[in-house]
N, C-alpha and C. Protein backbone atom coordinates (compact mmCIF):
# COMPACT_ATOMS: atom_id res chain seq x y z
N MET A 1 179.13 52.04 105.10
CA MET A 1 178.46 53.01 105.89
C MET A 1 178.70 54.41 105.34
N ALA A 2 179.90 54.65 104.91
CA ALA A 2 180.25 55.97 104.42
C ALA A 2 179.40 56.32 103.20
N PHE A 3 179.10 55.30 102.41
CA PHE A 3 178.28 55.52 101.23
C PHE A 3 176.88 55.96 101.61
N GLN A 4 176.31 55.33 102.63
CA GLN A 4 174.97 55.68 103.07
C GLN A 4 174.92 57.09 103.67
N SER A 5 175.93 57.44 104.43
CA SER A 5 175.90 58.76 105.04
C SER A 5 176.07 59.85 103.98
N ALA A 6 176.85 59.60 102.94
CA ALA A 6 176.99 60.58 101.88
C ALA A 6 175.67 60.74 101.13
N GLY A 7 174.99 59.61 100.90
CA GLY A 7 173.67 59.68 100.24
C GLY A 7 172.66 60.39 101.10
N ALA A 8 172.69 60.11 102.40
CA ALA A 8 171.76 60.77 103.32
C ALA A 8 172.05 62.25 103.38
N ALA A 9 173.34 62.62 103.36
CA ALA A 9 173.70 64.04 103.39
C ALA A 9 173.22 64.74 102.12
N ARG A 10 173.37 64.04 100.96
CA ARG A 10 172.89 64.59 99.71
C ARG A 10 171.37 64.77 99.75
N TYR A 11 170.71 63.79 100.31
CA TYR A 11 169.25 63.85 100.42
C TYR A 11 168.82 65.01 101.32
N ARG A 12 169.55 65.15 102.44
CA ARG A 12 169.23 66.25 103.35
C ARG A 12 169.47 67.60 102.67
N SER A 13 170.52 67.73 101.92
CA SER A 13 170.80 69.02 101.29
C SER A 13 169.75 69.32 100.21
N ARG A 14 169.26 68.30 99.49
CA ARG A 14 168.18 68.50 98.52
C ARG A 14 166.90 68.92 99.23
N ALA A 15 166.62 68.26 100.34
CA ALA A 15 165.42 68.60 101.10
C ALA A 15 165.52 70.01 101.64
N GLN A 16 166.71 70.38 102.11
CA GLN A 16 166.88 71.74 102.63
C GLN A 16 166.72 72.76 101.51
N ARG A 17 167.28 72.45 100.33
CA ARG A 17 167.12 73.37 99.19
C ARG A 17 165.66 73.49 98.79
N GLY A 18 164.93 72.36 98.84
CA GLY A 18 163.50 72.40 98.51
C GLY A 18 162.72 73.25 99.51
N ARG A 19 163.07 73.12 100.79
CA ARG A 19 162.40 73.92 101.81
C ARG A 19 162.73 75.40 101.63
N ARG A 20 163.99 75.67 101.30
CA ARG A 20 164.38 77.07 101.08
C ARG A 20 163.62 77.66 99.90
N ARG A 21 163.52 76.89 98.81
CA ARG A 21 162.79 77.36 97.63
C ARG A 21 161.32 77.62 97.98
N LEU A 22 160.75 76.71 98.74
CA LEU A 22 159.36 76.87 99.14
C LEU A 22 159.18 78.13 99.99
N LEU A 23 160.10 78.36 100.95
CA LEU A 23 160.03 79.55 101.78
C LEU A 23 160.21 80.82 100.96
N VAL A 24 161.13 80.79 99.98
CA VAL A 24 161.33 81.96 99.12
C VAL A 24 160.07 82.23 98.30
N MET A 25 159.44 81.18 97.75
CA MET A 25 158.22 81.37 96.96
C MET A 25 157.08 81.89 97.84
N LEU A 26 156.93 81.35 99.04
CA LEU A 26 155.89 81.83 99.95
C LEU A 26 156.15 83.29 100.35
N GLY A 27 157.40 83.62 100.60
CA GLY A 27 157.75 85.01 100.92
C GLY A 27 157.43 85.94 99.76
N ALA A 28 157.76 85.50 98.54
CA ALA A 28 157.47 86.32 97.37
C ALA A 28 155.96 86.51 97.20
N LEU A 29 155.19 85.45 97.40
CA LEU A 29 153.74 85.56 97.31
C LEU A 29 153.19 86.51 98.37
N LEU A 30 153.75 86.43 99.56
CA LEU A 30 153.32 87.32 100.63
C LEU A 30 153.63 88.78 100.30
N VAL A 31 154.80 89.02 99.77
CA VAL A 31 155.18 90.38 99.38
C VAL A 31 154.27 90.88 98.27
N LEU A 32 153.97 90.03 97.28
CA LEU A 32 153.08 90.43 96.19
C LEU A 32 151.67 90.72 96.71
N ALA A 33 151.20 89.92 97.65
CA ALA A 33 149.87 90.15 98.22
C ALA A 33 149.83 91.48 98.97
N VAL A 34 150.86 91.76 99.76
CA VAL A 34 150.91 93.02 100.51
C VAL A 34 150.98 94.19 99.53
N LEU A 35 151.79 94.08 98.50
CA LEU A 35 151.88 95.14 97.50
C LEU A 35 150.55 95.33 96.76
N GLY A 36 149.87 94.23 96.48
CA GLY A 36 148.57 94.31 95.81
C GLY A 36 147.54 95.04 96.66
N VAL A 37 147.48 94.71 97.94
CA VAL A 37 146.55 95.38 98.85
C VAL A 37 146.90 96.85 98.97
N ALA A 38 148.18 97.16 99.11
CA ALA A 38 148.60 98.55 99.22
C ALA A 38 148.24 99.33 97.94
N ALA A 39 148.46 98.72 96.79
CA ALA A 39 148.12 99.37 95.52
C ALA A 39 146.61 99.60 95.42
N TYR A 40 145.83 98.62 95.83
CA TYR A 40 144.37 98.76 95.81
C TYR A 40 143.94 99.93 96.70
N TRP A 41 144.45 100.00 97.92
CA TRP A 41 144.10 101.11 98.81
C TRP A 41 144.53 102.44 98.22
N TYR A 42 145.72 102.48 97.66
CA TYR A 42 146.23 103.73 97.10
C TYR A 42 145.35 104.20 95.94
N PHE A 43 145.08 103.31 94.98
CA PHE A 43 144.31 103.72 93.81
C PHE A 43 142.85 103.97 94.13
N SER A 44 142.28 103.21 95.07
CA SER A 44 140.88 103.46 95.41
C SER A 44 140.75 104.77 96.17
N SER A 45 141.71 105.13 97.00
CA SER A 45 141.64 106.42 97.70
C SER A 45 141.84 107.57 96.72
N ARG A 46 142.68 107.39 95.74
CA ARG A 46 142.87 108.45 94.72
C ARG A 46 141.63 108.60 93.88
N ALA A 47 141.00 107.46 93.53
CA ALA A 47 139.77 107.53 92.72
C ALA A 47 138.66 108.20 93.52
N ALA A 48 138.58 107.91 94.80
CA ALA A 48 137.56 108.54 95.64
C ALA A 48 137.82 110.03 95.75
N GLY A 49 139.06 110.43 95.74
CA GLY A 49 139.40 111.84 95.84
C GLY A 49 139.04 112.62 94.59
N THR A 50 138.96 111.97 93.44
CA THR A 50 138.64 112.67 92.21
C THR A 50 137.14 112.74 91.96
N GLN A 51 136.34 112.00 92.70
CA GLN A 51 134.90 112.07 92.52
C GLN A 51 134.38 113.34 93.18
N PRO A 52 133.37 113.97 92.58
CA PRO A 52 132.90 115.23 93.11
C PRO A 52 132.27 115.10 94.50
N SER A 53 131.47 114.05 94.72
CA SER A 53 130.80 113.93 96.00
C SER A 53 130.25 112.53 96.16
N LYS A 54 130.22 112.05 97.39
CA LYS A 54 129.64 110.73 97.66
C LYS A 54 128.18 110.84 98.03
N THR A 55 127.63 112.04 98.16
CA THR A 55 126.23 112.20 98.51
C THR A 55 125.36 112.09 97.27
N ALA A 56 124.14 111.64 97.48
CA ALA A 56 123.21 111.49 96.36
C ALA A 56 122.77 112.88 95.89
N PRO A 57 122.52 113.01 94.60
CA PRO A 57 122.06 114.31 94.11
C PRO A 57 120.67 114.61 94.68
N SER A 58 120.38 115.87 94.81
CA SER A 58 119.09 116.29 95.32
C SER A 58 118.03 116.08 94.24
N LEU A 59 116.97 115.36 94.60
CA LEU A 59 115.90 115.08 93.66
C LEU A 59 114.72 115.99 93.94
N SER A 60 113.97 116.28 92.90
CA SER A 60 112.75 117.07 93.07
C SER A 60 111.69 116.22 93.75
N PHE A 61 110.67 116.87 94.31
CA PHE A 61 109.59 116.14 94.95
C PHE A 61 108.90 115.21 93.96
N GLY A 62 108.73 115.68 92.73
CA GLY A 62 108.08 114.87 91.70
C GLY A 62 108.87 113.60 91.38
N ALA A 63 110.21 113.71 91.36
CA ALA A 63 111.05 112.54 91.10
C ALA A 63 110.98 111.56 92.27
N LYS A 64 111.01 112.10 93.50
CA LYS A 64 110.88 111.23 94.68
C LYS A 64 109.52 110.56 94.70
N GLN A 65 108.50 111.30 94.33
CA GLN A 65 107.14 110.78 94.29
C GLN A 65 107.04 109.64 93.26
N ALA A 66 107.64 109.83 92.10
CA ALA A 66 107.62 108.80 91.06
C ALA A 66 108.32 107.53 91.54
N MET A 67 109.42 107.68 92.26
CA MET A 67 110.12 106.51 92.79
C MET A 67 109.25 105.75 93.80
N ASP A 68 108.56 106.50 94.65
CA ASP A 68 107.67 105.88 95.64
C ASP A 68 106.48 105.21 94.97
N LEU A 69 105.94 105.83 93.93
CA LEU A 69 104.84 105.21 93.19
C LEU A 69 105.28 103.88 92.59
N ASN A 70 106.48 103.84 92.04
CA ASN A 70 107.00 102.60 91.47
C ASN A 70 107.21 101.54 92.55
N LEU A 71 107.69 101.94 93.72
CA LEU A 71 107.87 100.99 94.83
C LEU A 71 106.54 100.34 95.21
N VAL A 72 105.52 101.17 95.39
CA VAL A 72 104.21 100.66 95.80
C VAL A 72 103.59 99.81 94.69
N ALA A 73 103.66 100.29 93.47
CA ALA A 73 103.09 99.53 92.35
C ALA A 73 103.76 98.17 92.21
N GLY A 74 105.08 98.14 92.35
CA GLY A 74 105.81 96.88 92.27
C GLY A 74 105.44 95.93 93.40
N ALA A 75 105.30 96.48 94.61
CA ALA A 75 104.96 95.64 95.77
C ALA A 75 103.55 95.07 95.64
N VAL A 76 102.60 95.89 95.19
CA VAL A 76 101.23 95.41 95.00
C VAL A 76 101.19 94.36 93.89
N GLY A 77 101.91 94.62 92.80
CA GLY A 77 101.96 93.64 91.71
C GLY A 77 102.58 92.33 92.14
N GLN A 78 103.65 92.39 92.93
CA GLN A 78 104.30 91.18 93.41
C GLN A 78 103.37 90.42 94.36
N TYR A 79 102.68 91.14 95.23
CA TYR A 79 101.75 90.50 96.17
C TYR A 79 100.64 89.79 95.38
N ALA A 80 100.05 90.49 94.41
CA ALA A 80 98.96 89.92 93.62
C ALA A 80 99.44 88.71 92.82
N SER A 81 100.63 88.80 92.30
CA SER A 81 101.18 87.68 91.52
C SER A 81 101.42 86.45 92.39
N ALA A 82 101.91 86.66 93.61
CA ALA A 82 102.22 85.54 94.50
C ALA A 82 100.97 84.95 95.14
N ASN A 83 99.95 85.78 95.39
CA ASN A 83 98.78 85.31 96.15
C ASN A 83 97.50 85.17 95.32
N GLY A 84 97.51 85.67 94.10
CA GLY A 84 96.33 85.56 93.25
C GLY A 84 95.26 86.60 93.55
N VAL A 85 95.45 87.41 94.56
CA VAL A 85 94.51 88.48 94.92
C VAL A 85 95.31 89.71 95.35
N LEU A 86 94.62 90.84 95.36
CA LEU A 86 95.24 92.06 95.86
C LEU A 86 95.27 92.03 97.39
N PRO A 87 96.14 92.81 98.01
CA PRO A 87 96.17 92.84 99.48
C PRO A 87 94.83 93.32 100.04
N ALA A 88 94.50 92.86 101.25
CA ALA A 88 93.24 93.24 101.89
C ALA A 88 93.35 94.58 102.61
N HIS A 89 94.53 94.90 103.13
CA HIS A 89 94.76 96.20 103.76
C HIS A 89 96.26 96.45 103.90
N PHE A 90 96.60 97.69 104.23
CA PHE A 90 97.99 98.09 104.44
C PHE A 90 98.21 98.41 105.91
N SER A 91 99.44 98.28 106.33
CA SER A 91 99.83 98.65 107.68
C SER A 91 101.21 99.29 107.61
N ALA A 92 101.49 100.21 108.51
CA ALA A 92 102.80 100.86 108.56
C ALA A 92 103.55 100.37 109.79
N THR A 93 104.84 100.10 109.63
CA THR A 93 105.67 99.67 110.74
C THR A 93 106.30 100.88 111.41
N GLN A 94 106.88 100.67 112.58
CA GLN A 94 107.54 101.74 113.32
C GLN A 94 108.73 102.32 112.55
N ASP A 95 109.40 101.47 111.76
CA ASP A 95 110.58 101.93 111.03
C ASP A 95 110.25 102.50 109.65
N GLY A 96 108.97 102.74 109.36
CA GLY A 96 108.59 103.43 108.13
C GLY A 96 108.36 102.55 106.92
N ARG A 97 108.19 101.24 107.13
CA ARG A 97 107.90 100.36 106.00
C ARG A 97 106.39 100.18 105.86
N LEU A 98 105.96 99.93 104.65
CA LEU A 98 104.56 99.64 104.35
C LEU A 98 104.41 98.14 104.23
N VAL A 99 103.46 97.57 104.99
CA VAL A 99 103.23 96.13 104.98
C VAL A 99 101.94 95.87 104.23
N LEU A 100 102.00 95.00 103.23
CA LEU A 100 100.83 94.60 102.48
C LEU A 100 100.26 93.37 103.15
N CYS A 101 99.00 93.43 103.53
CA CYS A 101 98.40 92.39 104.35
C CYS A 101 97.28 91.67 103.62
N GLY A 102 97.19 90.38 103.91
CA GLY A 102 96.06 89.57 103.48
C GLY A 102 95.28 89.21 104.73
N THR A 103 95.15 87.92 104.99
CA THR A 103 94.51 87.51 106.24
C THR A 103 95.45 87.71 107.42
N VAL A 104 96.76 87.69 107.15
CA VAL A 104 97.78 87.89 108.17
C VAL A 104 98.62 89.10 107.77
N CYS A 105 99.00 89.90 108.73
CA CYS A 105 99.83 91.07 108.47
C CYS A 105 101.23 90.80 109.01
N ASP A 106 102.10 90.25 108.17
CA ASP A 106 103.44 89.86 108.60
C ASP A 106 104.48 90.70 107.85
N PRO A 107 105.19 91.59 108.55
CA PRO A 107 106.18 92.44 107.88
C PRO A 107 107.32 91.67 107.22
N THR A 108 107.54 90.43 107.61
CA THR A 108 108.63 89.67 106.99
C THR A 108 108.23 89.13 105.62
N LEU A 109 106.92 89.11 105.32
CA LEU A 109 106.48 88.56 104.04
C LEU A 109 106.42 89.61 102.94
N TYR A 110 105.59 90.64 103.14
CA TYR A 110 105.40 91.65 102.10
C TYR A 110 105.49 93.04 102.71
N ALA A 111 106.69 93.55 102.78
CA ALA A 111 106.90 94.91 103.28
C ALA A 111 107.80 95.64 102.29
N VAL A 112 107.54 96.91 102.15
CA VAL A 112 108.35 97.73 101.27
C VAL A 112 108.71 99.01 102.04
N GLY A 113 109.92 99.45 101.86
CA GLY A 113 110.39 100.64 102.56
C GLY A 113 111.29 101.46 101.68
N GLY A 114 111.90 102.46 102.26
CA GLY A 114 112.81 103.32 101.50
C GLY A 114 112.08 104.43 100.78
N PHE A 115 110.95 104.85 101.31
CA PHE A 115 110.19 105.92 100.67
C PHE A 115 110.92 107.25 100.79
N ARG A 116 110.80 108.06 99.76
CA ARG A 116 111.48 109.34 99.73
C ARG A 116 110.51 110.51 99.87
N ALA A 117 109.32 110.37 99.33
CA ALA A 117 108.35 111.47 99.36
C ALA A 117 107.21 111.20 100.32
N TYR A 118 106.88 109.96 100.52
CA TYR A 118 105.71 109.59 101.32
C TYR A 118 106.10 108.98 102.65
N ASN A 119 105.23 109.16 103.61
CA ASN A 119 105.30 108.46 104.87
C ASN A 119 104.44 107.21 104.69
N ALA A 120 104.90 106.05 105.14
CA ALA A 120 104.16 104.79 104.94
C ALA A 120 102.74 104.88 105.51
N ALA A 121 102.54 105.65 106.57
CA ALA A 121 101.20 105.79 107.16
C ALA A 121 100.25 106.56 106.25
N ASN A 122 100.79 107.31 105.27
CA ASN A 122 99.95 108.08 104.34
C ASN A 122 99.68 107.33 103.04
N ILE A 123 100.09 106.08 102.97
CA ILE A 123 99.79 105.25 101.81
C ILE A 123 98.69 104.30 102.25
N ARG A 124 97.51 104.46 101.66
CA ARG A 124 96.34 103.74 102.16
C ARG A 124 95.69 102.93 101.06
N LEU A 125 95.12 101.80 101.46
CA LEU A 125 94.29 100.98 100.58
C LEU A 125 92.86 101.44 100.80
N MET A 126 92.22 101.96 99.76
CA MET A 126 90.88 102.52 99.89
C MET A 126 89.89 101.72 99.07
N ASN A 127 88.65 101.63 99.56
CA ASN A 127 87.57 101.01 98.79
C ASN A 127 87.17 101.94 97.67
N TYR A 128 86.68 101.36 96.59
CA TYR A 128 86.27 102.15 95.44
C TYR A 128 85.09 103.05 95.79
N THR A 129 85.21 104.30 95.43
CA THR A 129 84.13 105.28 95.50
C THR A 129 84.28 106.15 94.26
N ALA A 130 83.20 106.34 93.54
CA ALA A 130 83.26 107.16 92.33
C ALA A 130 83.75 108.56 92.68
N GLY A 131 84.68 109.07 91.92
CA GLY A 131 85.19 110.42 92.13
C GLY A 131 86.16 110.56 93.29
N LEU A 132 86.66 109.45 93.82
CA LEU A 132 87.60 109.48 94.94
C LEU A 132 88.85 110.26 94.55
N ALA A 133 89.28 111.18 95.41
CA ALA A 133 90.47 111.99 95.17
C ALA A 133 91.30 112.02 96.44
N VAL A 134 92.61 112.26 96.30
CA VAL A 134 93.49 112.37 97.48
C VAL A 134 93.39 113.78 98.04
N PRO A 135 93.55 113.92 99.37
CA PRO A 135 93.41 115.24 99.98
C PRO A 135 94.61 116.17 99.74
N ASP A 136 95.80 115.60 99.56
CA ASP A 136 97.00 116.43 99.39
C ASP A 136 98.09 115.64 98.68
N GLN A 137 99.22 116.31 98.42
CA GLN A 137 100.30 115.65 97.69
C GLN A 137 101.09 114.67 98.54
N ASN A 138 100.83 114.62 99.83
CA ASN A 138 101.53 113.71 100.73
C ASN A 138 100.77 112.40 100.97
N THR A 139 99.67 112.20 100.27
CA THR A 139 98.83 111.02 100.46
C THR A 139 98.75 110.23 99.15
N MET A 140 98.80 108.92 99.29
CA MET A 140 98.65 108.04 98.13
C MET A 140 97.58 107.01 98.47
N TYR A 141 96.64 106.79 97.53
CA TYR A 141 95.61 105.77 97.70
C TYR A 141 95.83 104.68 96.66
N VAL A 142 95.74 103.44 97.10
CA VAL A 142 95.67 102.30 96.18
C VAL A 142 94.21 101.86 96.23
N VAL A 143 93.55 101.86 95.06
CA VAL A 143 92.12 101.59 95.00
C VAL A 143 91.87 100.36 94.12
N PRO A 144 91.58 99.21 94.75
CA PRO A 144 91.25 98.02 93.96
C PRO A 144 89.88 98.17 93.28
N GLY A 145 89.75 97.54 92.13
CA GLY A 145 88.46 97.52 91.44
C GLY A 145 88.04 98.84 90.84
N ALA A 146 89.00 99.65 90.43
CA ALA A 146 88.67 100.96 89.84
C ALA A 146 89.42 101.16 88.54
N LYS A 147 88.91 102.10 87.76
CA LYS A 147 89.59 102.59 86.57
C LYS A 147 89.91 104.06 86.81
N CYS A 148 90.84 104.58 86.04
CA CYS A 148 91.14 106.01 86.13
C CYS A 148 90.09 106.79 85.35
N GLY A 149 89.56 107.84 85.97
CA GLY A 149 88.62 108.72 85.30
C GLY A 149 89.37 109.72 84.44
N SER A 150 88.65 110.39 83.59
CA SER A 150 89.30 111.35 82.68
C SER A 150 89.83 112.57 83.44
N ASP A 151 89.30 112.83 84.64
CA ASP A 151 89.74 113.99 85.40
C ASP A 151 90.84 113.65 86.41
N GLY A 152 91.37 112.41 86.40
CA GLY A 152 92.43 112.01 87.31
C GLY A 152 91.92 111.35 88.57
N HIS A 153 90.64 111.43 88.84
CA HIS A 153 90.05 110.79 90.01
C HIS A 153 89.75 109.32 89.69
N ALA A 154 89.30 108.59 90.68
CA ALA A 154 88.86 107.22 90.42
C ALA A 154 87.64 107.28 89.52
N GLY A 155 87.68 106.53 88.44
CA GLY A 155 86.58 106.55 87.47
C GLY A 155 85.58 105.45 87.75
N ASP A 156 85.20 104.75 86.70
CA ASP A 156 84.22 103.67 86.81
C ASP A 156 84.82 102.46 87.52
N PRO A 157 83.95 101.60 88.05
CA PRO A 157 84.46 100.35 88.64
C PRO A 157 85.03 99.45 87.55
N ASN A 158 85.99 98.64 87.92
CA ASN A 158 86.61 97.71 86.99
C ASN A 158 86.25 96.30 87.43
N PRO A 159 85.61 95.51 86.58
CA PRO A 159 85.17 94.18 86.99
C PRO A 159 86.30 93.16 87.13
N ILE A 160 87.50 93.48 86.68
CA ILE A 160 88.61 92.54 86.77
C ILE A 160 89.08 92.49 88.23
N SER A 161 89.13 91.29 88.80
CA SER A 161 89.36 91.14 90.24
C SER A 161 90.73 91.65 90.70
N ARG A 162 91.74 91.56 89.86
CA ARG A 162 93.08 91.98 90.29
C ARG A 162 93.45 93.35 89.73
N SER A 163 92.46 94.16 89.40
CA SER A 163 92.76 95.49 88.88
C SER A 163 92.78 96.50 90.01
N ALA A 164 93.61 97.50 89.87
CA ALA A 164 93.71 98.56 90.87
C ALA A 164 94.31 99.79 90.22
N VAL A 165 94.10 100.93 90.86
CA VAL A 165 94.72 102.18 90.43
C VAL A 165 95.40 102.80 91.64
N ILE A 166 96.34 103.67 91.36
CA ILE A 166 96.97 104.46 92.42
C ILE A 166 96.59 105.91 92.17
N LEU A 167 96.05 106.54 93.21
CA LEU A 167 95.74 107.95 93.17
C LEU A 167 96.77 108.69 94.02
N TYR A 168 97.29 109.79 93.50
CA TYR A 168 98.28 110.57 94.23
C TYR A 168 98.10 112.04 93.87
N GLY A 169 98.61 112.89 94.70
CA GLY A 169 98.49 114.33 94.47
C GLY A 169 99.71 114.89 93.80
N ALA A 170 99.49 115.66 92.76
CA ALA A 170 100.58 116.34 92.06
C ALA A 170 100.40 117.84 92.26
N GLN A 171 101.48 118.51 92.56
CA GLN A 171 101.44 119.96 92.79
C GLN A 171 101.42 120.68 91.46
N THR A 172 100.44 121.55 91.30
CA THR A 172 100.35 122.39 90.10
C THR A 172 100.29 123.85 90.55
N SER A 173 100.27 124.76 89.62
CA SER A 173 100.23 126.18 89.97
C SER A 173 98.92 126.55 90.66
N SER A 174 97.87 125.77 90.41
CA SER A 174 96.58 126.08 91.04
C SER A 174 96.34 125.25 92.31
N GLY A 175 97.35 124.50 92.76
CA GLY A 175 97.20 123.69 93.97
C GLY A 175 97.49 122.22 93.69
N THR A 176 96.96 121.36 94.51
CA THR A 176 97.17 119.93 94.36
C THR A 176 96.09 119.34 93.46
N THR A 177 96.53 118.57 92.47
CA THR A 177 95.62 117.89 91.55
C THR A 177 95.80 116.40 91.70
N THR A 178 94.69 115.66 91.76
CA THR A 178 94.77 114.21 91.86
C THR A 178 95.11 113.63 90.51
N ARG A 179 96.11 112.73 90.54
CA ARG A 179 96.52 112.00 89.34
C ARG A 179 96.24 110.54 89.57
N CYS A 180 96.09 109.80 88.49
CA CYS A 180 95.72 108.38 88.58
C CYS A 180 96.61 107.57 87.64
N ILE A 181 97.12 106.45 88.14
CA ILE A 181 97.84 105.51 87.29
C ILE A 181 97.25 104.12 87.51
N VAL A 182 97.23 103.32 86.47
CA VAL A 182 96.68 101.97 86.51
C VAL A 182 97.79 100.99 86.86
N LEU A 183 97.52 100.09 87.78
CA LEU A 183 98.49 99.04 88.11
C LEU A 183 98.37 97.89 87.14
């Protein structure tokens, strides 16, 4: 019996040493994790302190306008690519997004937002009319079935079914001038 109890005692002491080692390793991992998080917070706060500003730089109206033109052009291109036709009309949501509509006008399907220069209600899908021009720099027209004219207005009709142009107003020294880009 004495032999068994000595073996059991040895086994218990090995098990206790194993548990102690495991607890020491877990404690060390916990300390390293806490130190890692503290170091991350410290260095990220110092890095944030050395940056000049977290605000976006001020953009000119022309730069904001170009960003909005790209948003609309991309949305119209994506809609045409997915559906095989250009949108039938546009709609504006209460939160300032532009919804591209076909037979159904569903903001969850084709909506674009984040405009910087334009209000979504001032971005319109217009039917082709020769010489069509925008009334001011705050209005954008998407005109299916048109080409750009040499004077920046809507030019000749375009027989390609998925063709469109965007007309927008650019501020010049003599006032607002209509500009045209092809989608």
